[in-house]
Amino acid sequence: MRSIEYRGFNDALLSLRGIAACAVLMFHGMLVFKVDGLSFGPYDHTFLWFASDAGIAAQLEKWTVMLANGHAAVTFFLVHSGFVLALSMSRMTWGSSLPDGATALIAYAAKRIFRLWPMIIVSCVLAFAYQFAGHKVASPTHSTWYSAFFTSLTDFSDLLHNIALQRFNLVPFLWSLLVETYGSILMPLFYFLGRRTFTTYLLLVAFYLLSWAVPSDAYVIVNGWTFSALSTVFVFCFVIGTITAFIRQDLPQRPSWISQNALILISFIFLVLARWALPTIGGAVVIEALASAVIVYSVYYHAEGPLQWFCNLRIVKFFGLISFSLYVNSLLCIHISGQILTRLVPEAFIEANGLGMNMIAVALAAALVTVLSYLTFHFIEAPFMRAGKQISGLMEGRLQVAQS
């Protein structure tokens, strides 16, 4: 049976999550206003084929959005979660009997619920309050993507359905938290199967085939609740993250002709470009997940290098610390920024300077979301994480006393 080589949760590993959250902010913040009269959107690839005469500003916008690539950042989040959860579970006391295992599972569930749901609830309440405070009018200068959010009436049922992760009209980014929930529920299975070489690769193949076999627009209805089968593709990222935590002793020695830094750079290129280069989401997510695994593995097990140095900068570690809050709060702050700018800046100026206005929108949103996320981290995330760990610790302590 294989075991995980636990080296603690280092700052660089946490910082990677902050970098991904900032990429999501940049990716969406650059989509607030039209550029050269063109409306960019993150959910289609039409902007990739703009004619060369579309304008320099539109071309710069295109490349900025492509390189920020919020899609890849979300894939990275999920691989990172699988890896970190595997590390966390390796430190838990599981016992050898069924009651012991059940106690450990309840302790694990307590930590996950206290980690995820307080910020899910807070982000939904904040978005609901923002929308409820007044009907937000989209300007003709806003992109069609921006205009799709917070510009229609909502009610209390929307709030409840968003908190339950069954609708995403208040906080659209929470769709990935639904995937995170699926992955968290399945994580004990991934963890225990991952401890043996054969079942590890059987698990990998099974979810790989599922990610291709299930249509992306398929839905499963269970007792009136609707689940998107597309999540199967992204739960595959959890499998990759878990396997990455176990695979260290199975890897062949890295060839001498490629350095660790070169491997990270190549992985980053694949991570950024896969979604734009491949025609299907399933294929792109597989490539993104594998590239993410290389980056996470390299940063965790290798202390030296340019990326590790960058991840250990104080400002980067700070954004890593507030990354979860930053991620779920970012769309709200982006939308507020777009509303502020249209009230302060003449429409004609925005229309003529869409690229520059998007950059200002990103800067303003970054300032707003940093302050908001610092507050929600310290007053919501941190206290509930401590509470979850205390509950889990008490249950594991009882389990250890029972075993002794």
Protein backbone atom coordinates (compact mmCIF):
# COMPACT_ATOMS: atom_id res chain seq x y z
CA MET A 1 0.00 0.00 0.00
CA ARG A 2 1.37 3.39 -1.00
CA SER A 3 1.49 6.37 1.32
CA ILE A 4 1.69 10.10 0.71
CA GLU A 5 4.90 11.93 1.47
CA TYR A 6 3.50 14.77 3.57
CA ARG A 7 5.64 17.91 3.71
CA GLY A 8 3.12 20.28 5.23
CA PHE A 9 0.96 22.85 3.47
CA ASN A 10 3.66 25.24 2.31
CA ASP A 11 3.05 28.87 1.39
CA ALA A 12 3.97 28.35 -2.26
CA LEU A 13 1.24 25.72 -2.63
CA LEU A 14 -1.31 28.14 -1.21
CA SER A 15 -0.02 30.97 -3.41
CA LEU A 16 -0.76 28.96 -6.55
CA ARG A 17 -4.43 29.21 -5.69
CA GLY A 18 -4.11 32.98 -5.33
CA ILE A 19 -2.50 33.26 -8.76
CA ALA A 20 -5.37 31.26 -10.27
CA ALA A 21 -7.97 33.47 -8.53
CA CYS A 22 -6.27 36.61 -9.88
CA ALA A 23 -6.30 35.08 -13.38
CA VAL A 24 -10.08 34.60 -13.09
CA LEU A 25 -10.42 38.25 -12.03
CA MET A 26 -8.31 39.46 -14.96
CA PHE A 27 -10.07 37.16 -17.44
CA HIS A 28 -13.56 38.40 -16.59
CA GLY A 29 -12.62 41.97 -15.74
CA MET A 30 -11.31 42.48 -19.27
CA LEU A 31 -14.78 41.65 -20.63
CA VAL A 32 -16.73 44.54 -19.09
CA PHE A 33 -16.79 46.91 -22.09
CA LYS A 34 -16.89 46.42 -25.83
CA VAL A 35 -13.58 46.95 -27.61
CA ASP A 36 -13.63 48.42 -31.11
CA GLY A 37 -17.36 47.81 -31.03
CA LEU A 38 -16.82 44.07 -30.52
CA SER A 39 -18.38 42.21 -27.63
CA PHE A 40 -16.09 39.57 -26.17
CA GLY A 41 -17.49 36.60 -24.27
CA PRO A 42 -15.74 33.92 -22.20
CA TYR A 43 -18.03 31.05 -23.16
CA ASP A 44 -17.35 30.92 -26.88
CA HIS A 45 -14.28 31.06 -29.05
CA THR A 46 -15.55 33.45 -31.69
CA PHE A 47 -13.17 36.21 -30.67
CA LEU A 48 -10.20 33.98 -31.57
CA TRP A 49 -10.86 34.49 -35.26
CA PHE A 50 -11.23 38.25 -35.45
CA ALA A 51 -9.91 39.53 -38.74
CA SER A 52 -6.58 41.30 -38.63
CA ASP A 53 -8.32 44.56 -39.51
CA ALA A 54 -10.46 44.43 -36.34
CA GLY A 55 -8.14 46.94 -34.71
CA ILE A 56 -5.04 46.87 -32.53
CA ALA A 57 -7.10 47.32 -29.37
CA ALA A 58 -9.26 44.29 -30.19
CA GLN A 59 -6.18 42.18 -30.89
CA LEU A 60 -4.60 43.21 -27.58
CA GLU A 61 -7.88 42.46 -25.82
CA LYS A 62 -7.99 39.03 -27.45
CA TRP A 63 -4.48 38.08 -26.35
CA THR A 64 -5.00 39.39 -22.82
CA VAL A 65 -8.16 37.33 -22.40
CA MET A 66 -6.50 34.27 -23.92
CA LEU A 67 -3.47 34.45 -21.65
CA ALA A 68 -5.49 35.10 -18.47
CA ASN A 69 -7.71 32.10 -19.35
CA GLY A 70 -10.13 31.80 -16.46
CA HIS A 71 -11.25 28.40 -17.76
CA ALA A 72 -7.80 26.93 -17.14
CA ALA A 73 -7.64 28.63 -13.75
CA VAL A 74 -10.79 26.80 -12.62
CA THR A 75 -9.36 23.47 -13.80
CA PHE A 76 -6.23 24.29 -11.81
CA PHE A 77 -8.33 25.04 -8.72
CA LEU A 78 -9.93 21.59 -8.90
CA VAL A 79 -6.66 19.71 -9.39
CA HIS A 80 -5.17 21.73 -6.54
CA SER A 81 -8.17 20.81 -4.33
CA GLY A 82 -7.78 17.09 -5.08
CA PHE A 83 -4.09 17.26 -4.22
CA VAL A 84 -4.55 19.22 -0.98
CA LEU A 85 -7.50 17.08 0.15
CA ALA A 86 -5.43 13.94 -0.39
CA LEU A 87 -2.66 15.44 1.75
CA SER A 88 -5.19 16.38 4.42
CA MET A 89 -6.82 12.95 4.45
CA SER A 90 -3.43 11.27 4.75
CA ARG A 91 -3.02 12.95 8.16
CA MET A 92 -6.40 11.79 9.49
CA THR A 93 -6.95 8.80 11.77
CA TRP A 94 -9.18 6.37 9.91
CA GLY A 95 -9.14 3.34 12.18
CA SER A 96 -9.68 -0.24 11.13
CA SER A 97 -13.38 -0.85 11.87
CA LEU A 98 -16.55 0.38 10.21
CA PRO A 99 -17.58 2.65 13.14
CA ASP A 100 -14.09 4.14 13.20
CA GLY A 101 -14.26 4.83 9.48
CA ALA A 102 -17.70 6.39 9.84
CA THR A 103 -16.43 8.70 12.59
CA ALA A 104 -13.50 9.76 10.44
CA LEU A 105 -15.82 10.44 7.49
CA ILE A 106 -18.04 12.65 9.67
CA ALA A 107 -14.94 14.54 10.84
CA TYR A 108 -13.88 15.00 7.21
CA ALA A 109 -17.38 16.16 6.21
CA ALA A 110 -17.44 18.71 9.04
CA LYS A 111 -14.22 20.30 7.80
CA ARG A 112 -15.46 20.46 4.22
CA ILE A 113 -18.87 21.92 5.11
CA PHE A 114 -17.33 24.57 7.37
CA ARG A 115 -14.75 25.33 4.67
CA LEU A 116 -17.11 25.76 1.72
CA TRP A 117 -20.60 26.74 2.79
CA PRO A 118 -20.06 29.87 4.92
CA MET A 119 -18.54 31.70 1.95
CA ILE A 120 -21.09 30.23 -0.46
CA ILE A 121 -23.86 31.66 1.72
CA VAL A 122 -22.14 35.04 2.22
CA SER A 123 -21.35 35.49 -1.49
CA CYS A 124 -24.96 34.70 -2.41
CA VAL A 125 -26.34 37.09 0.22
CA LEU A 126 -24.03 39.89 -0.95
CA ALA A 127 -25.00 39.37 -4.60
CA PHE A 128 -28.70 39.19 -3.67
CA ALA A 129 -28.44 42.43 -1.68
CA TYR A 130 -26.66 44.14 -4.60
CA GLN A 131 -29.31 43.06 -7.07
CA PHE A 132 -32.18 43.74 -4.68
CA ALA A 133 -30.92 47.28 -3.99
CA GLY A 134 -31.92 48.40 -7.47
CA HIS A 135 -32.29 47.35 -11.08
CA LYS A 136 -28.86 47.57 -12.71
CA VAL A 137 -28.98 49.10 -16.18
CA ALA A 138 -26.54 47.85 -18.81
CA SER A 139 -24.99 50.58 -20.94
CA PRO A 140 -24.65 50.18 -24.74
CA THR A 141 -20.90 50.24 -24.11
CA HIS A 142 -21.05 47.13 -21.91
CA SER A 143 -20.36 43.74 -23.44
CA THR A 144 -23.19 41.26 -23.89
CA TRP A 145 -21.47 39.07 -21.27
CA TYR A 146 -21.47 41.84 -18.67
CA SER A 147 -25.09 42.75 -19.46
CA ALA A 148 -26.25 39.21 -18.67
CA PHE A 149 -25.64 39.59 -14.91
CA PHE A 150 -27.54 41.53 -12.23
CA THR A 151 -29.77 43.23 -14.79
CA SER A 152 -32.97 41.25 -14.16
CA LEU A 153 -35.24 41.03 -11.14
CA THR A 154 -34.64 38.33 -8.57
CA ASP A 155 -36.47 37.01 -5.51
CA PHE A 156 -35.82 35.10 -2.30
CA SER A 157 -36.21 31.73 -4.02
CA ASP A 158 -33.25 32.64 -6.24
CA LEU A 159 -31.18 33.22 -3.11
CA LEU A 160 -32.10 29.83 -1.67
CA HIS A 161 -31.48 28.02 -4.95
CA ASN A 162 -28.10 29.71 -5.37
CA ILE A 163 -27.07 28.76 -1.83
CA ALA A 164 -28.14 25.18 -2.63
CA LEU A 165 -26.00 25.38 -5.82
CA GLN A 166 -29.00 24.69 -8.03
CA ARG A 167 -29.00 28.07 -9.78
CA PHE A 168 -26.11 30.39 -10.50
CA ASN A 169 -27.77 33.65 -11.53
CA LEU A 170 -26.50 35.48 -8.43
CA VAL A 171 -22.96 34.08 -8.26
CA PRO A 172 -22.26 32.31 -11.58
CA PHE A 173 -18.79 31.21 -10.47
CA LEU A 174 -20.40 28.90 -7.90
CA TRP A 175 -20.90 26.26 -10.59
CA SER A 176 -17.33 25.22 -9.81
CA LEU A 177 -18.24 24.92 -6.13
CA LEU A 178 -20.90 22.41 -7.18
CA VAL A 179 -18.11 20.43 -8.83
CA GLU A 180 -16.05 20.90 -5.67
CA THR A 181 -18.95 19.46 -3.68
CA TYR A 182 -19.18 16.42 -5.98
CA GLY A 183 -15.43 15.95 -5.69
CA SER A 184 -15.50 16.33 -1.90
CA ILE A 185 -18.20 13.66 -1.60
CA LEU A 186 -16.24 11.26 -3.82
CA MET A 187 -12.86 12.17 -2.35
CA PRO A 188 -12.73 9.38 0.28
CA LEU A 189 -13.27 6.87 -2.55
CA PHE A 190 -10.51 8.49 -4.61
CA TYR A 191 -8.21 8.53 -1.60
CA PHE A 192 -8.59 4.88 -0.62
CA LEU A 193 -8.47 3.61 -4.19
CA GLY A 194 -5.46 5.81 -4.89
CA ARG A 195 -3.38 4.05 -2.27
CA ARG A 196 -2.96 1.04 -4.57
CA THR A 197 -1.27 1.27 -7.94
CA PHE A 198 -3.76 -0.84 -9.91
CA THR A 199 -6.90 0.87 -8.56
CA THR A 200 -5.28 4.27 -9.07
CA TYR A 201 -5.01 3.81 -12.80
CA LEU A 202 -8.35 1.99 -13.00
CA LEU A 203 -9.92 5.05 -11.38
CA LEU A 204 -8.11 7.35 -13.78
CA VAL A 205 -9.26 5.42 -16.86
CA ALA A 206 -12.85 5.15 -15.59
CA PHE A 207 -13.25 8.90 -15.09
CA TYR A 208 -11.41 9.67 -18.31
CA LEU A 209 -13.91 7.55 -20.24
CA LEU A 210 -16.82 9.08 -18.34
CA SER A 211 -15.63 12.57 -19.15
CA TRP A 212 -15.85 11.74 -22.84
CA ALA A 213 -18.93 9.50 -22.78
CA VAL A 214 -21.35 11.83 -20.96
CA PRO A 215 -22.70 14.63 -23.20
CA SER A 216 -21.78 18.07 -21.90
CA ASP A 217 -25.42 19.22 -22.03
CA ALA A 218 -26.83 16.17 -20.24
CA TYR A 219 -28.62 16.51 -16.91
CA VAL A 220 -29.53 14.05 -14.18
CA ILE A 221 -32.67 14.65 -12.13
CA VAL A 222 -32.74 13.24 -8.60
CA ASN A 223 -35.82 13.94 -6.47
CA GLY A 224 -36.43 17.19 -8.28
CA TRP A 225 -32.82 18.37 -8.10
CA THR A 226 -31.00 18.82 -11.37
CA PHE A 227 -27.30 18.03 -11.72
CA SER A 228 -25.24 18.86 -14.76
CA ALA A 229 -23.45 15.80 -16.06
CA LEU A 230 -20.77 18.13 -17.41
CA SER A 231 -19.41 18.04 -13.86
CA THR A 232 -18.07 14.54 -14.62
CA VAL A 233 -15.40 16.14 -16.78
CA PHE A 234 -14.32 18.43 -13.98
CA VAL A 235 -14.50 15.82 -11.21
CA PHE A 236 -11.82 14.11 -13.30
CA CYS A 237 -9.59 16.97 -12.11
CA PHE A 238 -10.04 15.79 -8.52
CA VAL A 239 -8.90 12.33 -9.58
CA ILE A 240 -5.79 13.80 -11.19
CA GLY A 241 -5.05 15.84 -8.06
CA THR A 242 -5.42 12.80 -5.80
CA ILE A 243 -3.20 10.64 -7.98
CA THR A 244 -0.59 13.40 -8.04
CA ALA A 245 -0.36 13.19 -4.26
CA PHE A 246 0.33 9.43 -4.40
CA ILE A 247 2.38 9.14 -7.55
CA ARG A 248 5.76 10.42 -6.34
CA GLN A 249 7.23 6.96 -5.73
CA ASP A 250 5.95 5.68 -9.08
CA LEU A 251 7.48 8.37 -11.28
CA PRO A 252 10.60 7.59 -13.30
CA GLN A 253 13.57 9.88 -12.79
CA ARG A 254 13.22 13.12 -14.75
CA PRO A 255 15.40 13.08 -17.89
CA SER A 256 18.57 15.12 -17.48
CA TRP A 257 17.96 17.00 -20.74
CA ILE A 258 14.97 18.92 -19.32
CA SER A 259 15.13 21.04 -16.20
CA GLN A 260 12.36 21.32 -13.63
CA ASN A 261 11.83 24.97 -14.58
CA ALA A 262 11.50 24.07 -18.27
CA LEU A 263 8.94 21.40 -17.36
CA ILE A 264 6.89 23.97 -15.42
CA LEU A 265 7.06 26.42 -18.34
CA ILE A 266 5.93 23.79 -20.86
CA SER A 267 3.09 22.76 -18.54
CA PHE A 268 2.00 26.39 -18.19
CA ILE A 269 1.88 26.79 -21.98
CA PHE A 270 -0.29 23.67 -22.33
CA LEU A 271 -2.48 24.85 -19.45
CA VAL A 272 -3.12 28.25 -21.03
CA LEU A 273 -3.58 27.15 -24.64
CA ALA A 274 -5.43 23.82 -24.40
CA ARG A 275 -8.93 25.34 -24.14
CA TRP A 276 -8.36 27.53 -27.20
CA ALA A 277 -6.58 24.90 -29.31
CA LEU A 278 -8.83 21.85 -28.80
CA PRO A 279 -12.37 21.60 -30.16
CA THR A 280 -13.97 19.85 -27.15
CA ILE A 281 -14.18 20.78 -23.48
CA GLY A 282 -13.46 17.19 -22.44
CA GLY A 283 -10.15 17.03 -24.26
CA ALA A 284 -9.10 20.50 -23.11
CA VAL A 285 -9.86 19.76 -19.44
CA VAL A 286 -7.81 16.56 -19.57
CA ILE A 287 -4.78 18.46 -20.89
CA GLU A 288 -5.33 21.31 -18.42
CA ALA A 289 -5.60 18.85 -15.53
CA LEU A 290 -2.37 17.06 -16.43
CA ALA A 291 -0.52 20.37 -16.87
CA SER A 292 -1.89 21.60 -13.54
CA ALA A 293 -0.73 18.41 -11.84
CA VAL A 294 2.85 18.96 -13.04
CA ILE A 295 2.86 22.53 -11.71
CA VAL A 296 1.36 21.58 -8.33
CA TYR A 297 3.71 18.62 -7.95
CA SER A 298 6.77 20.69 -8.89
CA VAL A 299 6.00 23.51 -6.48
CA TYR A 300 5.21 21.15 -3.60
CA TYR A 301 8.20 18.86 -3.94
CA HIS A 302 10.82 21.34 -5.21
CA ALA A 303 11.63 24.35 -3.05
CA GLU A 304 13.88 26.19 -5.52
CA GLY A 305 13.02 27.90 -8.80
CA PRO A 306 11.56 31.12 -10.27
CA LEU A 307 7.94 30.05 -9.70
CA GLN A 308 8.65 28.98 -6.13
CA TRP A 309 10.40 32.32 -5.50
CA PHE A 310 7.43 34.22 -6.91
CA CYS A 311 4.96 32.16 -4.88
CA ASN A 312 6.83 33.02 -1.67
CA LEU A 313 6.58 36.78 -2.16
CA ARG A 314 4.54 38.32 0.64
CA ILE A 315 1.93 39.89 -1.67
CA VAL A 316 1.44 36.61 -3.55
CA LYS A 317 1.05 34.70 -0.28
CA PHE A 318 -1.52 37.27 0.81
CA PHE A 319 -3.63 36.66 -2.30
CA GLY A 320 -3.22 32.94 -1.75
CA LEU A 321 -4.63 33.36 1.74
CA ILE A 322 -7.76 35.20 0.56
CA SER A 323 -8.05 33.31 -2.75
CA PHE A 324 -11.33 31.53 -2.03
CA SER A 325 -13.07 34.75 -0.99
CA LEU A 326 -11.51 36.57 -3.93
CA TYR A 327 -12.79 33.97 -6.36
CA VAL A 328 -16.42 33.95 -5.21
CA ASN A 329 -16.57 37.75 -4.70
CA SER A 330 -14.87 38.74 -7.95
CA LEU A 331 -17.85 38.88 -10.34
CA LEU A 332 -19.83 41.09 -7.95
CA CYS A 333 -16.91 43.53 -7.70
CA ILE A 334 -16.36 43.46 -11.47
CA HIS A 335 -20.02 44.34 -12.02
CA ILE A 336 -19.92 47.14 -9.45
CA SER A 337 -16.83 48.53 -11.20
CA GLY A 338 -18.64 48.53 -14.53
CA GLN A 339 -21.56 50.43 -12.99
CA ILE A 340 -19.27 53.00 -11.32
CA LEU A 341 -17.32 53.70 -14.50
CA THR A 342 -20.41 54.20 -16.68
CA ARG A 343 -21.64 56.78 -14.17
CA LEU A 344 -18.34 58.66 -14.03
CA VAL A 345 -17.06 58.46 -17.61
CA PRO A 346 -18.89 59.77 -20.71
CA GLU A 347 -20.28 57.05 -22.96
CA ALA A 348 -18.47 58.37 -26.03
CA PHE A 349 -15.12 58.14 -24.26
CA ILE A 350 -15.78 54.56 -23.14
CA GLU A 351 -16.83 53.59 -26.66
CA ALA A 352 -13.61 55.02 -28.10
CA ASN A 353 -11.33 53.53 -25.42
CA GLY A 354 -12.79 50.13 -24.60
CA LEU A 355 -9.47 48.40 -23.98
CA GLY A 356 -8.22 51.08 -21.61
CA MET A 357 -11.55 51.17 -19.79
CA ASN A 358 -11.41 47.41 -19.32
CA MET A 359 -7.97 47.79 -17.76
CA ILE A 360 -9.35 50.45 -15.40
CA ALA A 361 -12.28 48.17 -14.61
CA VAL A 362 -9.85 45.38 -13.69
CA ALA A 363 -7.85 47.70 -11.43
CA LEU A 364 -10.96 49.05 -9.72
CA ALA A 365 -12.44 45.56 -9.31
CA ALA A 366 -9.13 44.30 -7.92
CA ALA A 367 -9.12 47.04 -5.28
CA LEU A 368 -12.74 46.39 -4.31
CA VAL A 369 -12.46 42.61 -4.20
CA THR A 370 -9.19 42.69 -2.24
CA VAL A 371 -10.76 44.75 0.55
CA LEU A 372 -13.98 42.73 0.55
CA SER A 373 -12.14 39.40 0.46
CA TYR A 374 -9.79 40.43 3.27
CA LEU A 375 -12.86 41.14 5.42
CA THR A 376 -14.74 37.97 4.49
CA PHE A 377 -11.63 35.87 5.05
CA HIS A 378 -10.99 37.21 8.54
CA PHE A 379 -14.60 37.39 9.68
CA ILE A 380 -16.16 34.45 7.83
CA GLU A 381 -13.64 31.99 6.39
CA ALA A 382 -11.06 31.86 9.17
CA PRO A 383 -13.49 31.50 12.11
CA PHE A 384 -15.51 28.77 10.41
CA MET A 385 -12.37 26.91 9.30
CA ARG A 386 -11.18 26.93 12.91
CA ALA A 387 -14.57 25.67 14.05
CA GLY A 388 -14.51 22.87 11.47
CA LYS A 389 -11.02 21.82 12.51
CA GLN A 390 -11.99 21.87 16.18
CA ILE A 391 -15.01 19.66 15.56
CA SER A 392 -12.92 17.33 13.40
CA GLY A 393 -10.15 17.29 16.02
CA LEU A 394 -12.57 16.37 18.80
CA MET A 395 -13.98 13.48 16.78
CA GLU A 396 -10.54 12.22 15.79
CA GLY A 397 -9.41 12.53 19.42
CA ARG A 398 -12.28 10.32 20.54
CA LEU A 399 -11.37 7.86 17.81
CA GLN A 400 -7.76 7.69 19.00
CA VAL A 401 -8.87 7.19 22.63
CA ALA A 402 -11.22 4.38 21.55
CA GLN A 403 -8.41 2.67 19.65
CA SER A 404 -6.02 2.89 22.59
